[in-house]
Amino acid sequence: SGSQLEYILLTHGHFDHIAGVKAVKEL
């Protein structure tokens, strides 16, 4: 909250590192 979020930087693609990506990207 309150951040100017430019990127979601993923270290790898296992589910426990990416499950929130879709919604945060859309938000």
mmCIF file of all heavy atoms, coordinates in Angstrom:
data_MODEL
# 
_entry.id   MODEL 
# 
loop_
_atom_site.group_PDB 
_atom_site.id 
_atom_site.type_symbol 
_atom_site.label_atom_id 
_atom_site.label_alt_id 
_atom_site.label_comp_id 
_atom_site.label_asym_id 
_atom_site.label_entity_id 
_atom_site.label_seq_id 
_atom_site.pdbx_PDB_ins_code 
_atom_site.Cartn_x 
_atom_site.Cartn_y 
_atom_site.Cartn_z 
_atom_site.occupancy 
_atom_site.B_iso_or_equiv 
_atom_site.pdbx_formal_charge 
_atom_site.auth_seq_id 
_atom_site.auth_comp_id 
_atom_site.auth_asym_id 
_atom_site.auth_atom_id 
_atom_site.pdbx_PDB_model_num 
ATOM 1   N N   . SER A 1 1  ? 0.822  -1.209  0.000   1.00 0.00 ? 1  SER A N   1 
ATOM 2   C CA  . SER A 1 1  ? 0.000  0.000   0.000   1.00 0.00 ? 1  SER A CA  1 
ATOM 3   C C   . SER A 1 1  ? 0.856  1.258   0.000   1.00 0.00 ? 1  SER A C   1 
ATOM 4   O O   . SER A 1 1  ? 1.829  1.376   0.750   1.00 0.00 ? 1  SER A O   1 
ATOM 5   C CB  . SER A 1 1  ? -0.910 0.003   1.226   1.00 0.00 ? 1  SER A CB  1 
ATOM 6   O OG  . SER A 1 1  ? -1.671 1.190   1.290   1.00 0.00 ? 1  SER A OG  1 
ATOM 7   N N   . GLY A 1 2  ? 0.481  2.206   -0.852  1.00 0.00 ? 2  GLY A N   1 
ATOM 8   C CA  . GLY A 1 2  ? 1.181  3.478   -0.921  1.00 0.00 ? 2  GLY A CA  1 
ATOM 9   C C   . GLY A 1 2  ? 2.433  3.471   -1.771  1.00 0.00 ? 2  GLY A C   1 
ATOM 10  O O   . GLY A 1 2  ? 3.054  4.525   -1.971  1.00 0.00 ? 2  GLY A O   1 
ATOM 11  N N   . SER A 1 3  ? 2.814  2.318   -2.288  1.00 0.00 ? 3  SER A N   1 
ATOM 12  C CA  . SER A 1 3  ? 4.033  2.250   -3.101  1.00 0.00 ? 3  SER A CA  1 
ATOM 13  C C   . SER A 1 3  ? 3.717  2.542   -4.565  1.00 0.00 ? 3  SER A C   1 
ATOM 14  O O   . SER A 1 3  ? 2.611  2.297   -5.046  1.00 0.00 ? 3  SER A O   1 
ATOM 15  C CB  . SER A 1 3  ? 4.688  0.865   -2.986  1.00 0.00 ? 3  SER A CB  1 
ATOM 16  O OG  . SER A 1 3  ? 3.847  -0.133  -3.529  1.00 0.00 ? 3  SER A OG  1 
ATOM 17  N N   . GLN A 1 4  ? 4.705  3.065   -5.262  1.00 0.00 ? 4  GLN A N   1 
ATOM 18  C CA  . GLN A 1 4  ? 4.614  3.234   -6.706  1.00 0.00 ? 4  GLN A CA  1 
ATOM 19  C C   . GLN A 1 4  ? 5.217  1.977   -7.335  1.00 0.00 ? 4  GLN A C   1 
ATOM 20  O O   . GLN A 1 4  ? 6.373  1.956   -7.730  1.00 0.00 ? 4  GLN A O   1 
ATOM 21  C CB  . GLN A 1 4  ? 5.388  4.472   -7.157  1.00 0.00 ? 4  GLN A CB  1 
ATOM 22  C CG  . GLN A 1 4  ? 4.907  5.780   -6.564  1.00 0.00 ? 4  GLN A CG  1 
ATOM 23  C CD  . GLN A 1 4  ? 5.770  6.943   -7.014  1.00 0.00 ? 4  GLN A CD  1 
ATOM 24  O OE1 . GLN A 1 4  ? 6.090  7.086   -8.192  1.00 0.00 ? 4  GLN A OE1 1 
ATOM 25  N NE2 . GLN A 1 4  ? 6.166  7.778   -6.068  1.00 0.00 ? 4  GLN A NE2 1 
ATOM 26  N N   . LEU A 1 5  ? 4.405  0.933   -7.424  1.00 0.00 ? 5  LEU A N   1 
ATOM 27  C CA  . LEU A 1 5  ? 4.927  -0.375  -7.809  1.00 0.00 ? 5  LEU A CA  1 
ATOM 28  C C   . LEU A 1 5  ? 5.123  -0.450  -9.324  1.00 0.00 ? 5  LEU A C   1 
ATOM 29  O O   . LEU A 1 5  ? 4.158  -0.443  -10.091 1.00 0.00 ? 5  LEU A O   1 
ATOM 30  C CB  . LEU A 1 5  ? 3.991  -1.484  -7.335  1.00 0.00 ? 5  LEU A CB  1 
ATOM 31  C CG  . LEU A 1 5  ? 4.600  -2.876  -7.271  1.00 0.00 ? 5  LEU A CG  1 
ATOM 32  C CD1 . LEU A 1 5  ? 5.728  -2.937  -6.237  1.00 0.00 ? 5  LEU A CD1 1 
ATOM 33  C CD2 . LEU A 1 5  ? 3.535  -3.921  -6.935  1.00 0.00 ? 5  LEU A CD2 1 
ATOM 34  N N   . GLU A 1 6  ? 6.391  -0.550  -9.717  1.00 0.00 ? 6  GLU A N   1 
ATOM 35  C CA  . GLU A 1 6  ? 6.750  -0.611  -11.136 1.00 0.00 ? 6  GLU A CA  1 
ATOM 36  C C   . GLU A 1 6  ? 6.887  -2.044  -11.637 1.00 0.00 ? 6  GLU A C   1 
ATOM 37  O O   . GLU A 1 6  ? 6.536  -2.349  -12.771 1.00 0.00 ? 6  GLU A O   1 
ATOM 38  C CB  . GLU A 1 6  ? 8.081  0.111   -11.358 1.00 0.00 ? 6  GLU A CB  1 
ATOM 39  C CG  . GLU A 1 6  ? 8.065  1.584   -11.013 1.00 0.00 ? 6  GLU A CG  1 
ATOM 40  C CD  . GLU A 1 6  ? 7.584  2.423   -12.183 1.00 0.00 ? 6  GLU A CD  1 
ATOM 41  O OE1 . GLU A 1 6  ? 8.144  2.301   -13.279 1.00 0.00 ? 6  GLU A OE1 1 
ATOM 42  O OE2 . GLU A 1 6  ? 6.619  3.185   -11.982 1.00 0.00 ? 6  GLU A OE2 1 
ATOM 43  N N   . TYR A 1 7  ? 7.442  -2.909  -10.791 1.00 0.00 ? 7  TYR A N   1 
ATOM 44  C CA  . TYR A 1 7  ? 7.763  -4.270  -11.213 1.00 0.00 ? 7  TYR A CA  1 
ATOM 45  C C   . TYR A 1 7  ? 7.399  -5.285  -10.141 1.00 0.00 ? 7  TYR A C   1 
ATOM 46  O O   . TYR A 1 7  ? 7.425  -4.988  -8.947  1.00 0.00 ? 7  TYR A O   1 
ATOM 47  C CB  . TYR A 1 7  ? 9.273  -4.425  -11.484 1.00 0.00 ? 7  TYR A CB  1 
ATOM 48  C CG  . TYR A 1 7  ? 9.823  -3.552  -12.562 1.00 0.00 ? 7  TYR A CG  1 
ATOM 49  C CD1 . TYR A 1 7  ? 10.639 -2.459  -12.244 1.00 0.00 ? 7  TYR A CD1 1 
ATOM 50  C CD2 . TYR A 1 7  ? 9.553  -3.803  -13.913 1.00 0.00 ? 7  TYR A CD2 1 
ATOM 51  C CE1 . TYR A 1 7  ? 11.164 -1.655  -13.236 1.00 0.00 ? 7  TYR A CE1 1 
ATOM 52  C CE2 . TYR A 1 7  ? 10.075 -2.995  -14.910 1.00 0.00 ? 7  TYR A CE2 1 
ATOM 53  C CZ  . TYR A 1 7  ? 10.874 -1.926  -14.560 1.00 0.00 ? 7  TYR A CZ  1 
ATOM 54  O OH  . TYR A 1 7  ? 11.400 -1.123  -15.547 1.00 0.00 ? 7  TYR A OH  1 
ATOM 55  N N   . ILE A 1 8  ? 7.102  -6.496  -10.594 1.00 0.00 ? 8  ILE A N   1 
ATOM 56  C CA  . ILE A 1 8  ? 7.101  -7.690  -9.750  1.00 0.00 ? 8  ILE A CA  1 
ATOM 57  C C   . ILE A 1 8  ? 8.241  -8.548  -10.266 1.00 0.00 ? 8  ILE A C   1 
ATOM 58  O O   . ILE A 1 8  ? 8.171  -9.095  -11.374 1.00 0.00 ? 8  ILE A O   1 
ATOM 59  C CB  . ILE A 1 8  ? 5.764  -8.444  -9.817  1.00 0.00 ? 8  ILE A CB  1 
ATOM 60  C CG1 . ILE A 1 8  ? 4.611  -7.533  -9.426  1.00 0.00 ? 8  ILE A CG1 1 
ATOM 61  C CG2 . ILE A 1 8  ? 5.813  -9.686  -8.928  1.00 0.00 ? 8  ILE A CG2 1 
ATOM 62  C CD1 . ILE A 1 8  ? 3.231  -8.129  -9.718  1.00 0.00 ? 8  ILE A CD1 1 
ATOM 63  N N   . LEU A 1 9  ? 9.312  -8.624  -9.498  1.00 0.00 ? 9  LEU A N   1 
ATOM 64  C CA  . LEU A 1 9  ? 10.517 -9.339  -9.910  1.00 0.00 ? 9  LEU A CA  1 
ATOM 65  C C   . LEU A 1 9  ? 10.481 -10.735 -9.293  1.00 0.00 ? 9  LEU A C   1 
ATOM 66  O O   . LEU A 1 9  ? 10.510 -10.880 -8.063  1.00 0.00 ? 9  LEU A O   1 
ATOM 67  C CB  . LEU A 1 9  ? 11.769 -8.590  -9.437  1.00 0.00 ? 9  LEU A CB  1 
ATOM 68  C CG  . LEU A 1 9  ? 11.899 -7.134  -9.869  1.00 0.00 ? 9  LEU A CG  1 
ATOM 69  C CD1 . LEU A 1 9  ? 13.171 -6.525  -9.267  1.00 0.00 ? 9  LEU A CD1 1 
ATOM 70  C CD2 . LEU A 1 9  ? 11.935 -7.023  -11.398 1.00 0.00 ? 9  LEU A CD2 1 
ATOM 71  N N   . LEU A 1 10 ? 10.437 -11.757 -10.134 1.00 0.00 ? 10 LEU A N   1 
ATOM 72  C CA  . LEU A 1 10 ? 10.316 -13.126 -9.659  1.00 0.00 ? 10 LEU A CA  1 
ATOM 73  C C   . LEU A 1 10 ? 11.660 -13.824 -9.719  1.00 0.00 ? 10 LEU A C   1 
ATOM 74  O O   . LEU A 1 10 ? 12.344 -13.811 -10.748 1.00 0.00 ? 10 LEU A O   1 
ATOM 75  C CB  . LEU A 1 10 ? 9.281  -13.882 -10.490 1.00 0.00 ? 10 LEU A CB  1 
ATOM 76  C CG  . LEU A 1 10 ? 7.876  -13.257 -10.445 1.00 0.00 ? 10 LEU A CG  1 
ATOM 77  C CD1 . LEU A 1 10 ? 6.943  -13.978 -11.409 1.00 0.00 ? 10 LEU A CD1 1 
ATOM 78  C CD2 . LEU A 1 10 ? 7.309  -13.281 -9.034  1.00 0.00 ? 10 LEU A CD2 1 
ATOM 79  N N   . THR A 1 11 ? 12.032 -14.445 -8.608  1.00 0.00 ? 11 THR A N   1 
ATOM 80  C CA  . THR A 1 11 ? 13.299 -15.173 -8.568  1.00 0.00 ? 11 THR A CA  1 
ATOM 81  C C   . THR A 1 11 ? 13.192 -16.516 -9.277  1.00 0.00 ? 11 THR A C   1 
ATOM 82  O O   . THR A 1 11 ? 14.191 -17.035 -9.783  1.00 0.00 ? 11 THR A O   1 
ATOM 83  C CB  . THR A 1 11 ? 13.769 -15.400 -7.123  1.00 0.00 ? 11 THR A CB  1 
ATOM 84  O OG1 . THR A 1 11 ? 12.763 -16.149 -6.407  1.00 0.00 ? 11 THR A OG1 1 
ATOM 85  C CG2 . THR A 1 11 ? 14.012 -14.069 -6.421  1.00 0.00 ? 11 THR A CG2 1 
ATOM 86  N N   . HIS A 1 12 ? 11.990 -17.087 -9.288  1.00 0.00 ? 12 HIS A N   1 
ATOM 87  C CA  . HIS A 1 12 ? 11.713 -18.320 -10.032 1.00 0.00 ? 12 HIS A CA  1 
ATOM 88  C C   . HIS A 1 12 ? 10.211 -18.537 -10.034 1.00 0.00 ? 12 HIS A C   1 
ATOM 89  O O   . HIS A 1 12 ? 9.464  -17.702 -9.510  1.00 0.00 ? 12 HIS A O   1 
ATOM 90  C CB  . HIS A 1 12 ? 12.464 -19.524 -9.435  1.00 0.00 ? 12 HIS A CB  1 
ATOM 91  C CG  . HIS A 1 12 ? 12.080 -19.903 -8.056  1.00 0.00 ? 12 HIS A CG  1 
ATOM 92  N ND1 . HIS A 1 12 ? 12.352 -19.099 -6.955  1.00 0.00 ? 12 HIS A ND1 1 
ATOM 93  C CD2 . HIS A 1 12 ? 11.423 -20.985 -7.552  1.00 0.00 ? 12 HIS A CD2 1 
ATOM 94  C CE1 . HIS A 1 12 ? 11.901 -19.675 -5.859  1.00 0.00 ? 12 HIS A CE1 1 
ATOM 95  N NE2 . HIS A 1 12 ? 11.330 -20.824 -6.192  1.00 0.00 ? 12 HIS A NE2 1 
ATOM 96  N N   . GLY A 1 13 ? 9.773  -19.646 -10.631 1.00 0.00 ? 13 GLY A N   1 
ATOM 97  C CA  . GLY A 1 13 ? 8.352  -19.794 -10.886 1.00 0.00 ? 13 GLY A CA  1 
ATOM 98  C C   . GLY A 1 13 ? 7.594  -20.794 -10.048 1.00 0.00 ? 13 GLY A C   1 
ATOM 99  O O   . GLY A 1 13 ? 6.467  -21.169 -10.422 1.00 0.00 ? 13 GLY A O   1 
ATOM 100 N N   . HIS A 1 14 ? 8.117  -21.253 -8.926  1.00 0.00 ? 14 HIS A N   1 
ATOM 101 C CA  . HIS A 1 14 ? 7.357  -22.162 -8.081  1.00 0.00 ? 14 HIS A CA  1 
ATOM 102 C C   . HIS A 1 14 ? 6.149  -21.450 -7.467  1.00 0.00 ? 14 HIS A C   1 
ATOM 103 O O   . HIS A 1 14 ? 6.196  -20.245 -7.201  1.00 0.00 ? 14 HIS A O   1 
ATOM 104 C CB  . HIS A 1 14 ? 8.241  -22.746 -6.983  1.00 0.00 ? 14 HIS A CB  1 
ATOM 105 C CG  . HIS A 1 14 ? 9.137  -23.842 -7.477  1.00 0.00 ? 14 HIS A CG  1 
ATOM 106 N ND1 . HIS A 1 14 ? 10.317 -24.186 -6.856  1.00 0.00 ? 14 HIS A ND1 1 
ATOM 107 C CD2 . HIS A 1 14 ? 9.016  -24.690 -8.542  1.00 0.00 ? 14 HIS A CD2 1 
ATOM 108 C CE1 . HIS A 1 14 ? 10.893 -25.191 -7.518  1.00 0.00 ? 14 HIS A CE1 1 
ATOM 109 N NE2 . HIS A 1 14 ? 10.131 -25.513 -8.535  1.00 0.00 ? 14 HIS A NE2 1 
ATOM 110 N N   . PHE A 1 15 ? 5.089  -22.223 -7.227  1.00 0.00 ? 15 PHE A N   1 
ATOM 111 C CA  . PHE A 1 15 ? 3.793  -21.658 -6.851  1.00 0.00 ? 15 PHE A CA  1 
ATOM 112 C C   . PHE A 1 15 ? 3.863  -20.756 -5.627  1.00 0.00 ? 15 PHE A C   1 
ATOM 113 O O   . PHE A 1 15 ? 3.133  -19.769 -5.539  1.00 0.00 ? 15 PHE A O   1 
ATOM 114 C CB  . PHE A 1 15 ? 2.780  -22.784 -6.604  1.00 0.00 ? 15 PHE A CB  1 
ATOM 115 C CG  . PHE A 1 15 ? 3.064  -23.627 -5.380  1.00 0.00 ? 15 PHE A CG  1 
ATOM 116 C CD1 . PHE A 1 15 ? 2.557  -23.273 -4.143  1.00 0.00 ? 15 PHE A CD1 1 
ATOM 117 C CD2 . PHE A 1 15 ? 3.831  -24.767 -5.478  1.00 0.00 ? 15 PHE A CD2 1 
ATOM 118 C CE1 . PHE A 1 15 ? 2.821  -24.042 -3.014  1.00 0.00 ? 15 PHE A CE1 1 
ATOM 119 C CE2 . PHE A 1 15 ? 4.109  -25.544 -4.358  1.00 0.00 ? 15 PHE A CE2 1 
ATOM 120 C CZ  . PHE A 1 15 ? 3.606  -25.181 -3.123  1.00 0.00 ? 15 PHE A CZ  1 
ATOM 121 N N   . ASP A 1 16 ? 4.727  -21.066 -4.673  1.00 0.00 ? 16 ASP A N   1 
ATOM 122 C CA  . ASP A 1 16 ? 4.757  -20.281 -3.439  1.00 0.00 ? 16 ASP A CA  1 
ATOM 123 C C   . ASP A 1 16 ? 5.429  -18.928 -3.622  1.00 0.00 ? 16 ASP A C   1 
ATOM 124 O O   . ASP A 1 16 ? 5.434  -18.102 -2.704  1.00 0.00 ? 16 ASP A O   1 
ATOM 125 C CB  . ASP A 1 16 ? 5.436  -21.061 -2.308  1.00 0.00 ? 16 ASP A CB  1 
ATOM 126 C CG  . ASP A 1 16 ? 6.828  -21.552 -2.651  1.00 0.00 ? 16 ASP A CG  1 
ATOM 127 O OD1 . ASP A 1 16 ? 7.039  -22.042 -3.782  1.00 0.00 ? 16 ASP A OD1 1 
ATOM 128 O OD2 . ASP A 1 16 ? 7.734  -21.458 -1.796  1.00 0.00 ? 16 ASP A OD2 1 
ATOM 129 N N   . HIS A 1 17 ? 5.959  -18.675 -4.804  1.00 0.00 ? 17 HIS A N   1 
ATOM 130 C CA  . HIS A 1 17 ? 6.569  -17.373 -5.112  1.00 0.00 ? 17 HIS A CA  1 
ATOM 131 C C   . HIS A 1 17 ? 5.736  -16.562 -6.101  1.00 0.00 ? 17 HIS A C   1 
ATOM 132 O O   . HIS A 1 17 ? 6.052  -15.398 -6.345  1.00 0.00 ? 17 HIS A O   1 
ATOM 133 C CB  . HIS A 1 17 ? 7.981  -17.573 -5.663  1.00 0.00 ? 17 HIS A CB  1 
ATOM 134 C CG  . HIS A 1 17 ? 8.929  -18.140 -4.658  1.00 0.00 ? 17 HIS A CG  1 
ATOM 135 N ND1 . HIS A 1 17 ? 9.880  -17.375 -4.006  1.00 0.00 ? 17 HIS A ND1 1 
ATOM 136 C CD2 . HIS A 1 17 ? 9.062  -19.391 -4.156  1.00 0.00 ? 17 HIS A CD2 1 
ATOM 137 C CE1 . HIS A 1 17 ? 10.557 -18.146 -3.168  1.00 0.00 ? 17 HIS A CE1 1 
ATOM 138 N NE2 . HIS A 1 17 ? 10.076 -19.372 -3.236  1.00 0.00 ? 17 HIS A NE2 1 
ATOM 139 N N   . ILE A 1 18 ? 4.675  -17.179 -6.681  1.00 0.00 ? 18 ILE A N   1 
ATOM 140 C CA  . ILE A 1 18 ? 3.956  -16.502 -7.770  1.00 0.00 ? 18 ILE A CA  1 
ATOM 141 C C   . ILE A 1 18 ? 2.447  -16.443 -7.595  1.00 0.00 ? 18 ILE A C   1 
ATOM 142 O O   . ILE A 1 18 ? 1.763  -15.831 -8.422  1.00 0.00 ? 18 ILE A O   1 
ATOM 143 C CB  . ILE A 1 18 ? 4.266  -17.159 -9.128  1.00 0.00 ? 18 ILE A CB  1 
ATOM 144 C CG1 . ILE A 1 18 ? 3.672  -18.578 -9.191  1.00 0.00 ? 18 ILE A CG1 1 
ATOM 145 C CG2 . ILE A 1 18 ? 5.778  -17.183 -9.401  1.00 0.00 ? 18 ILE A CG2 1 
ATOM 146 C CD1 . ILE A 1 18 ? 3.655  -19.177 -10.594 1.00 0.00 ? 18 ILE A CD1 1 
ATOM 147 N N   . ALA A 1 19 ? 1.878  -17.042 -6.553  1.00 0.00 ? 19 ALA A N   1 
ATOM 148 C CA  . ALA A 1 19 ? 0.423  -17.192 -6.481  1.00 0.00 ? 19 ALA A CA  1 
ATOM 149 C C   . ALA A 1 19 ? -0.320 -15.862 -6.471  1.00 0.00 ? 19 ALA A C   1 
ATOM 150 O O   . ALA A 1 19 ? -1.462 -15.778 -6.924  1.00 0.00 ? 19 ALA A O   1 
ATOM 151 C CB  . ALA A 1 19 ? 0.029  -18.028 -5.265  1.00 0.00 ? 19 ALA A CB  1 
ATOM 152 N N   . GLY A 1 20 ? 0.314  -14.806 -5.982  1.00 0.00 ? 20 GLY A N   1 
ATOM 153 C CA  . GLY A 1 20 ? -0.359 -13.518 -5.925  1.00 0.00 ? 20 GLY A CA  1 
ATOM 154 C C   . GLY A 1 20 ? -0.079 -12.600 -7.098  1.00 0.00 ? 20 GLY A C   1 
ATOM 155 O O   . GLY A 1 20 ? -0.613 -11.483 -7.165  1.00 0.00 ? 20 GLY A O   1 
ATOM 156 N N   . VAL A 1 21 ? 0.713  -13.074 -8.052  1.00 0.00 ? 21 VAL A N   1 
ATOM 157 C CA  . VAL A 1 21 ? 1.184  -12.195 -9.130  1.00 0.00 ? 21 VAL A CA  1 
ATOM 158 C C   . VAL A 1 21 ? 0.033  -11.644 -9.966  1.00 0.00 ? 21 VAL A C   1 
ATOM 159 O O   . VAL A 1 21 ? -0.030 -10.437 -10.247 1.00 0.00 ? 21 VAL A O   1 
ATOM 160 C CB  . VAL A 1 21 ? 2.200  -12.922 -10.024 1.00 0.00 ? 21 VAL A CB  1 
ATOM 161 C CG1 . VAL A 1 21 ? 2.488  -12.110 -11.285 1.00 0.00 ? 21 VAL A CG1 1 
ATOM 162 C CG2 . VAL A 1 21 ? 3.489  -13.179 -9.265  1.00 0.00 ? 21 VAL A CG2 1 
ATOM 163 N N   . LYS A 1 22 ? -0.878 -12.509 -10.393 1.00 0.00 ? 22 LYS A N   1 
ATOM 164 C CA  . LYS A 1 22 ? -1.956 -12.077 -11.283 1.00 0.00 ? 22 LYS A CA  1 
ATOM 165 C C   . LYS A 1 22 ? -2.755 -10.927 -10.666 1.00 0.00 ? 22 LYS A C   1 
ATOM 166 O O   . LYS A 1 22 ? -2.985 -9.892  -11.309 1.00 0.00 ? 22 LYS A O   1 
ATOM 167 C CB  . LYS A 1 22 ? -2.885 -13.249 -11.598 1.00 0.00 ? 22 LYS A CB  1 
ATOM 168 C CG  . LYS A 1 22 ? -4.037 -12.904 -12.544 1.00 0.00 ? 22 LYS A CG  1 
ATOM 169 C CD  . LYS A 1 22 ? -4.878 -14.148 -12.824 1.00 0.00 ? 22 LYS A CD  1 
ATOM 170 C CE  . LYS A 1 22 ? -5.920 -13.876 -13.903 1.00 0.00 ? 22 LYS A CE  1 
ATOM 171 N NZ  . LYS A 1 22 ? -6.962 -12.945 -13.433 1.00 0.00 ? 22 LYS A NZ  1 
ATOM 172 N N   . ALA A 1 23 ? -3.169 -11.087 -9.422  1.00 0.00 ? 23 ALA A N   1 
ATOM 173 C CA  . ALA A 1 23 ? -4.012 -10.076 -8.781  1.00 0.00 ? 23 ALA A CA  1 
ATOM 174 C C   . ALA A 1 23 ? -3.242 -8.792  -8.491  1.00 0.00 ? 23 ALA A C   1 
ATOM 175 O O   . ALA A 1 23 ? -3.778 -7.692  -8.667  1.00 0.00 ? 23 ALA A O   1 
ATOM 176 C CB  . ALA A 1 23 ? -4.609 -10.640 -7.499  1.00 0.00 ? 23 ALA A CB  1 
ATOM 177 N N   . VAL A 1 24 ? -1.983 -8.908  -8.052  1.00 0.00 ? 24 VAL A N   1 
ATOM 178 C CA  . VAL A 1 24 ? -1.198 -7.703  -7.772  1.00 0.00 ? 24 VAL A CA  1 
ATOM 179 C C   . VAL A 1 24 ? -0.901 -6.949  -9.063  1.00 0.00 ? 24 VAL A C   1 
ATOM 180 O O   . VAL A 1 24 ? -0.930 -5.713  -9.100  1.00 0.00 ? 24 VAL A O   1 
ATOM 181 C CB  . VAL A 1 24 ? 0.096  -8.061  -7.011  1.00 0.00 ? 24 VAL A CB  1 
ATOM 182 C CG1 . VAL A 1 24 ? 1.014  -6.846  -6.909  1.00 0.00 ? 24 VAL A CG1 1 
ATOM 183 C CG2 . VAL A 1 24 ? -0.238 -8.576  -5.620  1.00 0.00 ? 24 VAL A CG2 1 
ATOM 184 N N   . LYS A 1 25 ? -0.651 -7.688  -10.132 1.00 0.00 ? 25 LYS A N   1 
ATOM 185 C CA  . LYS A 1 25 ? -0.446 -7.047  -11.437 1.00 0.00 ? 25 LYS A CA  1 
ATOM 186 C C   . LYS A 1 25 ? -1.703 -6.285  -11.862 1.00 0.00 ? 25 LYS A C   1 
ATOM 187 O O   . LYS A 1 25 ? -1.621 -5.136  -12.314 1.00 0.00 ? 25 LYS A O   1 
ATOM 188 C CB  . LYS A 1 25 ? -0.088 -8.100  -12.478 1.00 0.00 ? 25 LYS A CB  1 
ATOM 189 C CG  . LYS A 1 25 ? 0.074  -7.566  -13.888 1.00 0.00 ? 25 LYS A CG  1 
ATOM 190 C CD  . LYS A 1 25 ? 0.405  -8.697  -14.864 1.00 0.00 ? 25 LYS A CD  1 
ATOM 191 C CE  . LYS A 1 25 ? 0.561  -8.155  -16.286 1.00 0.00 ? 25 LYS A CE  1 
ATOM 192 N NZ  . LYS A 1 25 ? 0.936  -9.226  -17.250 1.00 0.00 ? 25 LYS A NZ  1 
ATOM 193 N N   . GLU A 1 26 ? -2.852 -6.903  -11.701 1.00 0.00 ? 26 GLU A N   1 
ATOM 194 C CA  . GLU A 1 26 ? -4.111 -6.253  -12.082 1.00 0.00 ? 26 GLU A CA  1 
ATOM 195 C C   . GLU A 1 26 ? -4.404 -5.042  -11.202 1.00 0.00 ? 26 GLU A C   1 
ATOM 196 O O   . GLU A 1 26 ? -4.918 -4.026  -11.674 1.00 0.00 ? 26 GLU A O   1 
ATOM 197 C CB  . GLU A 1 26 ? -5.252 -7.256  -12.015 1.00 0.00 ? 26 GLU A CB  1 
ATOM 198 C CG  . GLU A 1 26 ? -5.170 -8.328  -13.099 1.00 0.00 ? 26 GLU A CG  1 
ATOM 199 C CD  . GLU A 1 26 ? -6.233 -9.405  -12.948 1.00 0.00 ? 26 GLU A CD  1 
ATOM 200 O OE1 . GLU A 1 26 ? -6.943 -9.404  -11.913 1.00 0.00 ? 26 GLU A OE1 1 
ATOM 201 O OE2 . GLU A 1 26 ? -6.359 -10.239 -13.861 1.00 0.00 ? 26 GLU A OE2 1 
ATOM 202 N N   . LEU A 1 27 ? -4.060 -5.142  -9.928  1.00 0.00 ? 27 LEU A N   1 
ATOM 203 C CA  . LEU A 1 27 ? -4.313 -4.045  -8.994  1.00 0.00 ? 27 LEU A CA  1 
ATOM 204 C C   . LEU A 1 27 ? -3.432 -2.840  -9.261  1.00 0.00 ? 27 LEU A C   1 
ATOM 205 O O   . LEU A 1 27 ? -3.895 -1.690  -9.194  1.00 0.00 ? 27 LEU A O   1 
ATOM 206 C CB  . LEU A 1 27 ? -4.087 -4.542  -7.559  1.00 0.00 ? 27 LEU A CB  1 
ATOM 207 C CG  . LEU A 1 27 ? -4.218 -3.510  -6.444  1.00 0.00 ? 27 LEU A CG  1 
ATOM 208 C CD1 . LEU A 1 27 ? -5.681 -3.095  -6.274  1.00 0.00 ? 27 LEU A CD1 1 
ATOM 209 C CD2 . LEU A 1 27 ? -3.666 -4.056  -5.129  1.00 0.00 ? 27 LEU A CD2 1 
# 
